[in-house]
Protein backbone atom coordinates (compact mmCIF):
# COMPACT_ATOMS: atom_id res chain seq x y z
CA MET A 1 43.63 104.10 -201.51
CA PRO A 2 44.19 103.37 -204.92
CA PRO A 3 45.54 105.94 -207.78
CA GLY A 4 43.44 109.20 -208.14
CA GLY A 5 42.07 108.52 -204.30
CA LEU A 6 39.45 106.16 -205.71
CA PRO A 7 37.50 105.22 -202.34
CA TYR A 8 37.09 101.49 -202.79
CA LEU A 9 35.76 99.44 -200.16
CA TYR A 10 38.03 97.52 -198.10
CA ALA A 11 38.19 96.80 -194.38
CA GLY A 12 37.88 100.13 -192.23
CA SER A 13 35.85 102.09 -195.23
CA ARG A 14 33.30 104.21 -193.89
CA HIS A 15 30.85 101.98 -196.29
CA ALA A 16 32.07 98.81 -194.75
CA PRO A 17 30.15 96.20 -193.41
CA ARG A 18 30.64 96.52 -189.41
CA SER A 19 29.67 93.23 -188.53
CA PRO A 20 29.54 90.00 -190.10
CA MET A 21 26.17 88.33 -191.00
CA ASN A 22 25.65 85.38 -188.54
CA ASP A 23 24.76 83.32 -191.90
CA PHE A 24 27.49 84.02 -193.78
CA GLN A 25 29.87 83.57 -190.19
CA GLN A 26 28.49 79.89 -189.94
CA ALA A 27 28.94 78.99 -193.18
CA LEU A 28 32.63 80.42 -192.70
CA GLU A 29 33.05 78.40 -190.04
CA GLN A 30 31.81 74.91 -191.06
CA ALA A 31 33.60 75.58 -193.89
CA CYS A 32 36.95 76.13 -193.12
CA SER A 33 36.36 73.04 -190.75
CA ALA A 34 35.92 71.21 -193.93
CA ALA A 35 38.98 72.42 -195.24
CA GLY A 36 41.55 72.29 -192.26
CA LEU A 37 41.40 75.91 -191.90
CA ASP A 38 41.09 77.76 -188.62
CA PRO A 39 38.20 80.77 -188.88
CA GLU A 40 38.92 81.97 -185.38
CA GLY A 41 39.79 85.55 -185.55
CA ALA A 42 38.38 85.94 -189.41
CA ARG A 43 37.95 89.83 -190.52
CA LEU A 44 35.10 90.69 -192.86
CA LEU A 45 36.78 92.67 -195.53
CA ARG A 46 33.32 93.40 -197.98
CA LEU A 47 30.06 92.31 -198.80
CA GLY A 48 28.69 92.09 -201.63
CA SER A 49 28.13 89.55 -204.19
CA ASN A 50 30.36 87.24 -201.81
CA ALA A 51 30.83 87.44 -198.00
CA VAL A 52 35.04 88.18 -198.48
CA TYR A 53 36.56 87.03 -194.88
CA HIS A 54 40.80 87.55 -194.33
CA LEU A 55 41.72 84.53 -191.87
CA LYS A 56 44.84 84.76 -189.58
CA ALA A 57 46.76 82.39 -191.83
CA PRO A 58 46.75 84.17 -195.19
CA VAL A 59 43.74 82.97 -196.80
CA ILE A 60 40.72 84.71 -198.16
CA VAL A 61 37.82 82.85 -198.06
CA ARG A 62 34.63 84.46 -200.14
CA VAL A 63 31.02 83.07 -199.29
CA SER A 64 28.95 82.83 -202.19
CA ARG A 65 25.04 84.05 -201.21
CA PRO A 66 22.37 81.32 -201.10
CA GLY A 67 21.43 80.43 -204.42
CA THR A 68 24.61 81.42 -206.31
CA ASP A 69 25.01 78.89 -209.24
CA MET A 70 27.69 76.53 -208.79
CA ALA A 71 28.99 76.55 -212.27
CA PRO A 72 30.89 80.07 -212.23
CA VAL A 73 31.89 79.32 -208.57
CA ARG A 74 33.61 76.07 -209.90
CA ARG A 75 34.92 78.05 -212.80
CA SER A 76 36.45 81.27 -211.30
CA VAL A 77 38.89 77.89 -209.35
CA ALA A 78 39.70 76.27 -212.79
CA VAL A 79 40.58 79.48 -214.09
CA ALA A 80 42.69 80.23 -211.40
CA ARG A 81 44.53 77.02 -211.86
CA TRP A 82 44.99 77.39 -215.25
CA LEU A 83 46.46 80.74 -214.78
CA GLN A 84 48.73 79.44 -212.30
CA SER A 85 49.78 77.11 -214.69
CA GLU A 86 50.33 80.26 -217.46
CA ASP A 87 52.98 81.58 -214.58
CA TYR A 88 50.08 84.89 -214.95
CA PRO A 89 49.89 86.86 -211.64
CA ALA A 90 46.52 86.20 -210.87
CA VAL A 91 45.19 85.09 -207.35
CA ARG A 92 45.74 81.69 -206.33
CA ALA A 93 43.47 79.14 -205.23
CA ILE A 94 44.60 77.33 -202.30
CA ASP A 95 44.78 73.37 -202.65
CA VAL A 96 41.82 72.20 -201.01
CA ASP A 97 38.81 70.56 -202.40
CA GLN A 98 36.41 73.10 -203.10
CA PRO A 99 33.94 74.90 -203.24
CA VAL A 100 32.89 73.54 -199.69
CA ILE A 101 28.92 73.35 -200.05
CA VAL A 102 27.64 74.33 -196.33
CA ASP A 103 23.74 74.72 -196.31
CA GLY A 104 23.71 76.09 -199.99
CA TYR A 105 26.46 78.43 -199.86
CA LEU A 106 29.35 78.23 -201.89
CA VAL A 107 32.59 78.66 -200.16
CA THR A 108 36.07 79.24 -202.18
CA PHE A 109 39.94 79.74 -200.51
CA TRP A 110 42.02 82.13 -202.22
CA GLN A 111 45.90 82.88 -201.17
CA SER A 112 45.69 86.51 -199.78
CA VAL A 113 47.77 88.90 -202.11
CA SER A 114 49.15 91.04 -199.19
CA ASP A 115 49.11 91.05 -195.87
CA ASP A 116 48.92 94.81 -195.04
CA GLY A 117 45.13 95.50 -196.87
CA ASP A 118 44.44 96.32 -200.16
CA GLN A 119 46.84 97.74 -201.69
CA PHE A 120 45.90 99.02 -205.54
CA ALA A 121 47.94 98.53 -208.84
CA SER A 122 48.81 101.53 -210.44
CA THR A 123 47.01 102.37 -214.07
CA PRO A 124 50.10 101.36 -216.20
CA GLN A 125 50.10 98.04 -213.91
CA ILE A 126 46.60 97.59 -214.89
CA ALA A 127 47.31 98.17 -218.81
CA ALA A 128 50.54 95.38 -218.53
CA ILE A 129 48.50 92.97 -216.79
CA LEU A 130 45.51 93.51 -219.30
CA ALA A 131 47.63 93.35 -222.26
CA ARG A 132 49.46 89.84 -221.03
CA LEU A 133 45.62 88.37 -220.39
CA HIS A 134 44.66 89.69 -223.62
CA ARG A 135 47.73 87.18 -225.32
CA LEU A 136 46.68 84.35 -223.73
CA THR A 137 44.54 81.33 -225.38
CA ALA A 138 42.11 79.16 -222.65
CA PRO A 139 41.99 75.89 -223.05
CA GLU A 140 38.82 74.46 -224.87
CA ASN A 141 38.11 72.61 -221.46
CA LEU A 142 37.72 75.39 -219.58
CA HIS A 143 34.53 75.93 -221.02
CA LEU A 144 35.11 79.84 -220.93
CA PRO A 145 31.76 81.64 -221.81
CA PRO A 146 30.95 83.94 -223.92
CA LEU A 147 30.49 87.33 -222.44
CA ASP A 148 26.30 88.38 -222.22
CA PRO A 149 26.66 91.84 -220.64
CA PHE A 150 23.29 92.18 -219.84
CA ALA A 151 22.40 88.94 -217.90
CA SER A 152 22.98 89.92 -214.66
CA ALA A 153 20.98 93.47 -215.13
CA VAL A 154 18.12 91.20 -216.00
CA GLU A 155 17.87 89.64 -213.06
CA ARG A 156 18.48 92.42 -210.78
CA LEU A 157 15.48 94.51 -212.08
CA GLU A 158 13.37 91.22 -211.91
CA ALA A 159 14.47 90.49 -208.38
CA ASN A 160 14.66 94.43 -207.11
CA THR A 161 11.64 95.28 -204.44
CA TRP A 162 13.42 98.76 -204.13
CA LEU A 163 12.73 100.59 -207.32
CA THR A 164 9.55 102.36 -207.96
CA SER A 165 6.94 101.23 -210.52
CA GLY A 166 7.94 104.50 -212.43
CA ASP A 167 12.40 103.66 -212.39
CA ARG A 168 11.41 99.98 -213.03
CA ALA A 169 9.62 101.27 -216.10
CA PHE A 170 12.38 103.45 -217.45
CA LEU A 171 15.06 100.90 -216.53
CA THR A 172 13.21 97.95 -218.30
CA ALA A 173 12.79 100.60 -221.31
CA THR A 174 16.83 101.64 -221.03
CA LEU A 175 17.94 98.00 -220.80
CA ALA A 176 15.46 97.32 -224.39
CA ARG A 177 17.56 100.11 -226.17
CA LEU A 178 20.94 99.29 -224.75
CA ARG A 179 20.89 95.77 -226.02
CA ASP A 180 19.80 97.10 -229.47
CA ALA A 181 22.72 99.11 -229.21
CA TYR A 182 25.48 97.04 -227.98
CA ALA A 183 24.35 94.04 -230.79
CA GLY A 184 24.79 97.33 -233.52
CA LEU A 185 28.34 97.67 -231.83
CA GLU A 186 31.67 96.53 -234.67
CA PHE A 187 34.05 96.04 -232.24
CA VAL A 188 37.84 96.26 -233.68
CA LEU A 189 39.98 94.30 -231.13
CA PRO A 190 40.64 90.70 -231.43
CA GLN A 191 38.12 88.42 -229.16
CA GLY A 192 39.35 86.15 -227.13
CA VAL A 193 39.86 86.04 -222.90
CA ILE A 194 38.44 88.56 -221.35
CA HIS A 195 38.52 89.38 -217.38
CA GLY A 196 35.14 90.71 -217.11
CA ASP A 197 35.61 93.20 -214.37
CA ALA A 198 38.39 94.68 -214.99
CA SER A 199 39.33 98.09 -213.48
CA VAL A 200 41.57 99.18 -210.44
CA GLY A 201 39.36 97.78 -207.86
CA ASN A 202 40.52 94.10 -209.07
CA VAL A 203 43.80 94.87 -209.99
CA MET A 204 45.92 94.44 -206.19
CA ARG A 205 49.49 95.19 -205.49
CA ASP A 206 51.10 91.92 -203.42
CA ARG A 207 53.73 92.07 -201.18
CA ASP A 208 56.53 92.95 -203.55
CA GLY A 209 54.16 95.73 -205.42
CA ASN A 210 53.87 93.70 -208.01
CA PRO A 211 50.18 93.53 -210.00
CA VAL A 212 47.92 90.56 -209.40
CA LEU A 213 44.55 90.33 -210.94
CA ILE A 214 41.78 88.93 -208.68
CA ASP A 215 38.42 88.34 -208.73
CA LEU A 216 37.78 85.49 -210.99
CA ASP A 217 33.95 85.19 -211.42
CA GLY A 218 33.67 87.29 -214.32
CA PHE A 219 35.94 85.43 -216.54
CA GLY A 220 34.75 84.34 -220.35
CA THR A 221 35.55 85.33 -223.83
CA GLY A 222 34.15 88.53 -225.54
CA PRO A 223 35.37 92.12 -227.34
CA ARG A 224 38.74 92.96 -225.15
CA GLU A 225 37.29 96.67 -225.17
CA TRP A 226 35.17 95.21 -222.63
CA ASP A 227 38.45 94.92 -220.38
CA LEU A 228 39.22 98.82 -221.43
CA VAL A 229 35.95 101.14 -221.10
CA LEU A 230 36.32 101.08 -217.31
CA THR A 231 39.39 102.61 -216.69
CA ALA A 232 38.52 104.80 -219.80
CA MET A 233 35.29 105.97 -218.13
CA TYR A 234 36.64 105.99 -214.30
CA TYR A 235 38.64 109.05 -215.99
CA ASP A 236 36.24 110.41 -218.45
CA SER A 237 33.02 110.25 -216.56
CA PHE A 238 33.72 109.91 -213.18
CA GLY A 239 37.10 111.41 -212.70
CA TRP A 240 38.60 108.74 -210.23
CA HIS A 241 41.09 108.68 -212.43
CA THR A 242 43.55 111.89 -213.44
CA ARG A 243 44.35 112.72 -217.03
CA GLU A 244 47.95 111.73 -216.64
CA GLU A 245 47.04 108.37 -215.01
CA TYR A 246 44.65 107.16 -217.91
CA GLU A 247 47.16 108.71 -220.60
CA ASP A 248 49.98 106.17 -218.95
CA PHE A 249 47.24 103.20 -219.18
CA VAL A 250 46.98 104.11 -222.87
CA ARG A 251 50.66 104.15 -223.07
CA VAL A 252 51.38 100.64 -221.85
CA TYR A 253 48.53 99.11 -223.39
CA GLY A 254 49.04 100.56 -226.27
CA TYR A 255 45.05 101.25 -227.49
CA ASP A 256 42.70 104.08 -226.40
CA VAL A 257 39.53 103.00 -226.19
CA ARG A 258 37.91 106.59 -225.99
CA GLY A 259 39.08 106.57 -229.80
CA TRP A 260 36.46 103.44 -231.30
CA PRO A 261 33.20 104.33 -232.12
CA GLY A 262 31.75 102.48 -230.20
CA TYR A 263 32.63 103.74 -226.96
CA PRO A 264 30.02 105.85 -225.81
CA VAL A 265 27.49 102.91 -226.60
CA LEU A 266 29.87 100.46 -224.26
CA ARG A 267 30.27 103.07 -221.52
CA GLU A 268 26.43 103.55 -221.35
CA VAL A 269 26.09 99.89 -221.18
CA ARG A 270 28.53 99.69 -218.03
CA GLU A 271 26.97 103.01 -216.17
CA PHE A 272 23.59 101.44 -216.55
CA LEU A 273 25.31 98.21 -214.93
CA MET A 274 26.80 100.39 -212.03
CA VAL A 275 23.18 101.17 -211.82
CA THR A 276 21.35 98.06 -211.39
CA TRP A 277 24.19 96.80 -209.32
CA VAL A 278 23.26 99.61 -206.58
CA SER A 279 20.17 99.50 -207.05
CA GLN A 280 20.57 95.36 -205.66
CA LYS A 281 22.42 96.75 -202.85
CA ALA A 282 19.98 99.39 -201.89
CA ALA A 283 16.46 96.39 -202.33
CA ALA A 284 19.11 94.76 -199.00
CA GLY A 285 18.06 98.19 -197.11
CA ASP A 286 21.51 100.07 -197.48
CA ALA A 287 20.70 103.48 -196.89
CA TRP A 288 24.08 104.61 -198.54
CA SER A 289 23.14 102.58 -201.34
CA ALA A 290 19.87 103.56 -201.73
CA ALA A 291 20.84 107.27 -201.69
CA GLU A 292 23.48 106.40 -204.30
CA ALA A 293 21.12 104.99 -206.40
CA ALA A 294 18.81 107.25 -206.54
CA LYS A 295 21.07 109.68 -207.51
CA ARG A 296 22.33 107.90 -210.39
CA ILE A 297 18.76 107.05 -211.71
CA THR A 298 18.21 110.40 -211.97
CA ALA A 299 21.38 111.12 -214.11
CA LEU A 300 20.32 108.58 -216.30
CA ARG A 301 17.47 110.38 -216.65
CA THR A 302 18.33 113.71 -217.16
CA GLY A 303 21.66 112.98 -218.78
CA THR A 304 23.52 114.91 -216.20
CA SER A 305 27.16 114.78 -214.81
CA ARG A 306 27.99 111.71 -213.61
CA MET A 307 31.31 113.21 -212.02
CA ASP A 308 29.66 113.03 -208.28
CA TRP A 309 28.73 109.07 -208.50
CA LEU A 310 30.91 107.54 -205.54
CA PRO A 311 32.23 104.11 -205.85
CA SER A 312 30.03 101.13 -204.43
């Protein structure tokens, strides 16, 4: 488990899928064959935006859902190559021509960070790796996109068949309000390279205990506060980090985003996006996600505590 006892989804978690879906499995096998890798005995680690597998070789395979845009998948591989050239501690894309395309599935291959399952970094390690990332300047030919916080939310709400008409109307109105509030924010940190989803779930420990940044799909440019807000709200909104863990994060990074006047707005934006994410999983038929989504929507409507929200 990561610091603070946060039960993220990983192989063996009570919320992890128990068996891979046939279509993902077939895409995995064909892509491995094209890349010269052995898919036999592959373990499904998690199923979210991608199906993520661990091969017997120390390789992680990410299989996108059908219809995934090619550009960000290609960019995540290019970002990994750039970070490697900077000797920055991020997951490495293995040396094959990728992504491999199989019947609309986009498949990418990555070096496994560790052999013993998910070992999450401490909050000081997260802070250190973010501070180092935020000092980098990306080459222009990488074409990192500017942050668009609400792009995925719009798509999720439009495509979601699980939401009631009342919930959809409420979330749509909330989206419009948050767009206006976000547009009025005055950020104080220098803008530049950001990870986009920087939290304990995306910083792993390698075989030597060193932190490694993973999940490079959301890389872009924008306010550094966006990368800091998750650790802050995991502490003060959800209680997923202890006070000591958060204070260590602030001490190492050198800035407490909670003292910035725009923090409540950014926290609310992030909470809203978390609701749309779990609602999307509810629409896919997952009963646990449906119960969690309903609870979260009620919390947004009523302004009640988020301390009973669970990682999803």
